[in-house]
């Protein structure tokens, strides 16, 4: 539980999690455009969400698609 809570302990990560939850799959580039933030910052936050087990990453060529993990879905539903 601590790992998951640390994963959402930032307003950017909460925003990213809710954005991913509103779509089935979303690329890092689309997250950056939607949130209007720096790509490196968003990349670091998605890495932390992934390490916390809240999102999944699927590599498609040079793009990375993000989707919610089962735990991520529970947090978004909460």
N, C-alpha and C. Protein backbone atom coordinates (compact mmCIF):
# COMPACT_ATOMS: atom_id res chain seq x y z
N UNK A 1 0.82 -1.18 0.00
CA UNK A 1 0.00 0.00 0.00
C UNK A 1 0.88 1.26 0.00
N UNK A 2 1.97 1.23 0.77
CA UNK A 2 2.86 2.38 0.84
C UNK A 2 3.42 2.71 -0.55
N UNK A 3 3.81 1.69 -1.29
CA UNK A 3 4.36 1.88 -2.63
C UNK A 3 3.34 2.58 -3.53
N UNK A 4 2.08 2.18 -3.45
CA UNK A 4 1.05 2.78 -4.29
C UNK A 4 0.75 4.21 -3.88
N UNK A 5 0.71 4.45 -2.58
CA UNK A 5 0.44 5.80 -2.11
C UNK A 5 1.57 6.77 -2.45
N UNK A 6 2.80 6.29 -2.36
CA UNK A 6 3.93 7.13 -2.77
C UNK A 6 3.86 7.42 -4.26
N UNK A 7 3.31 6.49 -5.01
CA UNK A 7 3.18 6.67 -6.46
C UNK A 7 2.28 7.83 -6.83
N UNK A 8 1.31 8.14 -6.00
CA UNK A 8 0.38 9.24 -6.30
C UNK A 8 0.61 10.44 -5.40
N UNK A 9 1.77 10.53 -4.79
CA UNK A 9 2.03 11.60 -3.83
C UNK A 9 2.51 12.90 -4.47
N UNK A 10 2.01 13.20 -5.66
CA UNK A 10 2.39 14.42 -6.37
C UNK A 10 1.22 14.84 -7.25
N UNK A 11 0.94 16.13 -7.33
CA UNK A 11 -0.22 16.58 -8.11
C UNK A 11 -0.07 16.26 -9.60
N UNK A 12 1.15 16.26 -10.13
CA UNK A 12 1.33 15.87 -11.53
C UNK A 12 0.97 14.39 -11.73
N UNK A 13 1.39 13.55 -10.80
CA UNK A 13 1.12 12.11 -10.94
C UNK A 13 -0.37 11.82 -10.80
N UNK A 14 -1.04 12.54 -9.94
CA UNK A 14 -2.50 12.37 -9.82
C UNK A 14 -3.16 12.78 -11.13
N UNK A 15 -2.74 13.90 -11.69
CA UNK A 15 -3.29 14.35 -12.97
C UNK A 15 -3.04 13.37 -14.08
N UNK A 16 -1.84 12.82 -14.12
CA UNK A 16 -1.50 11.82 -15.14
C UNK A 16 -2.36 10.58 -14.97
N UNK A 17 -2.51 10.12 -13.76
CA UNK A 17 -3.31 8.92 -13.48
C UNK A 17 -4.76 9.14 -13.91
N UNK A 18 -5.32 10.28 -13.58
CA UNK A 18 -6.71 10.57 -13.97
C UNK A 18 -6.84 10.72 -15.49
N UNK A 19 -5.85 11.32 -16.14
CA UNK A 19 -5.87 11.44 -17.59
C UNK A 19 -5.83 10.08 -18.26
N UNK A 20 -4.93 9.22 -17.80
CA UNK A 20 -4.85 7.87 -18.36
C UNK A 20 -6.16 7.12 -18.12
N UNK A 21 -6.75 7.35 -16.96
CA UNK A 21 -8.03 6.70 -16.64
C UNK A 21 -9.17 7.15 -17.52
N UNK A 22 -9.08 8.37 -18.05
CA UNK A 22 -10.15 8.88 -18.91
C UNK A 22 -10.04 8.36 -20.34
N UNK A 23 -8.92 7.72 -20.65
CA UNK A 23 -8.69 7.16 -21.99
C UNK A 23 -8.27 5.70 -21.83
N UNK A 24 -8.40 4.95 -22.89
CA UNK A 24 -8.00 3.55 -22.82
C UNK A 24 -6.48 3.43 -22.83
N UNK A 25 -5.85 4.11 -23.77
CA UNK A 25 -4.38 4.13 -23.89
C UNK A 25 -3.99 5.53 -24.32
N UNK A 26 -2.83 5.99 -23.86
CA UNK A 26 -2.37 7.33 -24.21
C UNK A 26 -0.85 7.32 -24.25
N UNK A 27 -0.30 8.00 -25.23
CA UNK A 27 1.16 8.06 -25.36
C UNK A 27 1.72 9.17 -24.46
N UNK A 28 3.00 9.10 -24.21
CA UNK A 28 3.67 10.13 -23.41
C UNK A 28 3.49 11.50 -24.07
N UNK A 29 3.61 11.55 -25.40
CA UNK A 29 3.46 12.80 -26.12
C UNK A 29 2.08 13.41 -25.90
N UNK A 30 1.04 12.57 -25.91
CA UNK A 30 -0.32 13.06 -25.69
C UNK A 30 -0.53 13.52 -24.25
N UNK A 31 0.12 12.85 -23.30
CA UNK A 31 0.04 13.29 -21.90
C UNK A 31 0.67 14.67 -21.77
N UNK A 32 1.84 14.86 -22.39
CA UNK A 32 2.54 16.15 -22.34
C UNK A 32 1.67 17.24 -22.93
N UNK A 33 1.06 16.98 -24.10
CA UNK A 33 0.19 17.97 -24.75
C UNK A 33 -1.03 18.28 -23.88
N UNK A 34 -1.64 17.27 -23.31
CA UNK A 34 -2.85 17.46 -22.51
C UNK A 34 -2.59 18.24 -21.24
N UNK A 35 -1.45 17.98 -20.60
CA UNK A 35 -1.16 18.63 -19.32
C UNK A 35 -0.32 19.89 -19.48
N UNK A 36 0.25 20.10 -20.66
CA UNK A 36 1.06 21.29 -20.91
C UNK A 36 2.29 21.37 -20.02
N UNK A 37 2.93 20.24 -19.82
CA UNK A 37 4.11 20.18 -18.95
C UNK A 37 5.32 19.73 -19.76
N UNK A 38 6.48 19.79 -19.15
CA UNK A 38 7.74 19.39 -19.75
C UNK A 38 7.78 17.88 -19.96
N UNK A 39 8.28 17.45 -21.12
CA UNK A 39 8.31 16.02 -21.45
C UNK A 39 9.18 15.23 -20.46
N UNK A 40 10.32 15.78 -20.06
CA UNK A 40 11.19 15.07 -19.12
C UNK A 40 10.51 14.93 -17.76
N UNK A 41 9.80 15.97 -17.34
CA UNK A 41 9.08 15.91 -16.06
C UNK A 41 7.99 14.84 -16.10
N UNK A 42 7.20 14.86 -17.16
CA UNK A 42 6.12 13.87 -17.29
C UNK A 42 6.70 12.47 -17.43
N UNK A 43 7.80 12.33 -18.16
CA UNK A 43 8.45 11.02 -18.28
C UNK A 43 8.89 10.48 -16.93
N UNK A 44 9.43 11.34 -16.09
CA UNK A 44 9.86 10.91 -14.75
C UNK A 44 8.64 10.52 -13.89
N UNK A 45 7.57 11.28 -14.00
CA UNK A 45 6.37 10.95 -13.22
C UNK A 45 5.72 9.65 -13.70
N UNK A 46 5.70 9.42 -15.01
CA UNK A 46 5.14 8.16 -15.49
C UNK A 46 6.01 6.99 -15.06
N UNK A 47 7.33 7.21 -15.00
CA UNK A 47 8.23 6.14 -14.51
C UNK A 47 7.90 5.79 -13.06
N UNK A 48 7.66 6.80 -12.25
CA UNK A 48 7.33 6.56 -10.84
C UNK A 48 5.98 5.87 -10.71
N UNK A 49 5.01 6.25 -11.54
CA UNK A 49 3.71 5.58 -11.52
C UNK A 49 3.85 4.12 -11.96
N UNK A 50 4.69 3.88 -12.94
CA UNK A 50 4.94 2.51 -13.40
C UNK A 50 5.62 1.69 -12.30
N UNK A 51 6.63 2.26 -11.67
CA UNK A 51 7.34 1.56 -10.60
C UNK A 51 6.44 1.29 -9.40
N UNK A 52 5.44 2.15 -9.21
CA UNK A 52 4.49 1.95 -8.10
C UNK A 52 3.41 0.93 -8.48
N UNK A 53 3.42 0.46 -9.71
CA UNK A 53 2.45 -0.55 -10.13
C UNK A 53 1.09 0.03 -10.47
N UNK A 54 1.03 1.33 -10.77
CA UNK A 54 -0.26 1.98 -11.03
C UNK A 54 -0.57 2.12 -12.52
N UNK A 55 0.46 2.07 -13.37
CA UNK A 55 0.22 2.12 -14.81
C UNK A 55 1.05 1.04 -15.50
N UNK A 56 0.62 0.71 -16.70
CA UNK A 56 1.35 -0.21 -17.57
C UNK A 56 1.94 0.58 -18.71
N UNK A 57 3.07 0.12 -19.22
CA UNK A 57 3.70 0.73 -20.39
C UNK A 57 3.78 -0.33 -21.48
N UNK A 58 3.43 0.09 -22.70
CA UNK A 58 3.52 -0.80 -23.84
C UNK A 58 4.30 -0.06 -24.93
N UNK A 59 5.46 -0.58 -25.29
CA UNK A 59 6.33 0.07 -26.27
C UNK A 59 5.87 -0.28 -27.68
N UNK A 60 5.61 0.77 -28.47
CA UNK A 60 5.19 0.63 -29.87
C UNK A 60 6.12 1.48 -30.73
N UNK A 61 7.18 0.86 -31.21
CA UNK A 61 8.16 1.61 -32.00
C UNK A 61 8.83 2.65 -31.11
N UNK A 62 8.75 3.90 -31.52
CA UNK A 62 9.36 4.96 -30.72
C UNK A 62 8.38 5.57 -29.72
N UNK A 63 7.16 5.07 -29.70
CA UNK A 63 6.15 5.57 -28.78
C UNK A 63 5.93 4.62 -27.63
N UNK A 64 5.50 5.16 -26.50
CA UNK A 64 5.16 4.36 -25.33
C UNK A 64 3.71 4.65 -24.99
N UNK A 65 2.87 3.61 -25.04
CA UNK A 65 1.47 3.76 -24.67
C UNK A 65 1.31 3.44 -23.19
N UNK A 66 0.54 4.24 -22.50
CA UNK A 66 0.29 4.05 -21.08
C UNK A 66 -1.16 3.67 -20.86
N UNK A 67 -1.38 2.75 -19.95
CA UNK A 67 -2.73 2.37 -19.56
C UNK A 67 -2.71 2.10 -18.05
N UNK A 68 -3.88 2.05 -17.46
CA UNK A 68 -3.97 1.81 -16.02
C UNK A 68 -3.76 0.34 -15.72
N UNK A 69 -3.07 0.06 -14.66
CA UNK A 69 -2.97 -1.31 -14.13
C UNK A 69 -4.23 -1.56 -13.30
N UNK A 70 -4.46 -2.78 -12.88
CA UNK A 70 -5.61 -3.02 -12.00
C UNK A 70 -5.59 -2.16 -10.74
N UNK A 71 -4.42 -1.97 -10.14
CA UNK A 71 -4.32 -1.10 -8.96
C UNK A 71 -4.59 0.36 -9.33
N UNK A 72 -4.10 0.78 -10.48
CA UNK A 72 -4.34 2.14 -10.94
C UNK A 72 -5.82 2.40 -11.13
N UNK A 73 -6.54 1.40 -11.66
CA UNK A 73 -8.00 1.53 -11.84
C UNK A 73 -8.70 1.72 -10.50
N UNK A 74 -8.23 0.99 -9.50
CA UNK A 74 -8.83 1.14 -8.16
C UNK A 74 -8.63 2.54 -7.60
N UNK A 75 -7.44 3.11 -7.81
CA UNK A 75 -7.17 4.46 -7.34
C UNK A 75 -8.02 5.48 -8.08
N UNK A 76 -8.16 5.32 -9.39
CA UNK A 76 -8.96 6.27 -10.17
C UNK A 76 -10.42 6.16 -9.77
N UNK A 77 -10.91 4.95 -9.54
CA UNK A 77 -12.31 4.75 -9.12
C UNK A 77 -12.56 5.35 -7.74
N UNK A 78 -11.53 5.32 -6.89
CA UNK A 78 -11.66 5.85 -5.55
C UNK A 78 -11.85 7.35 -5.59
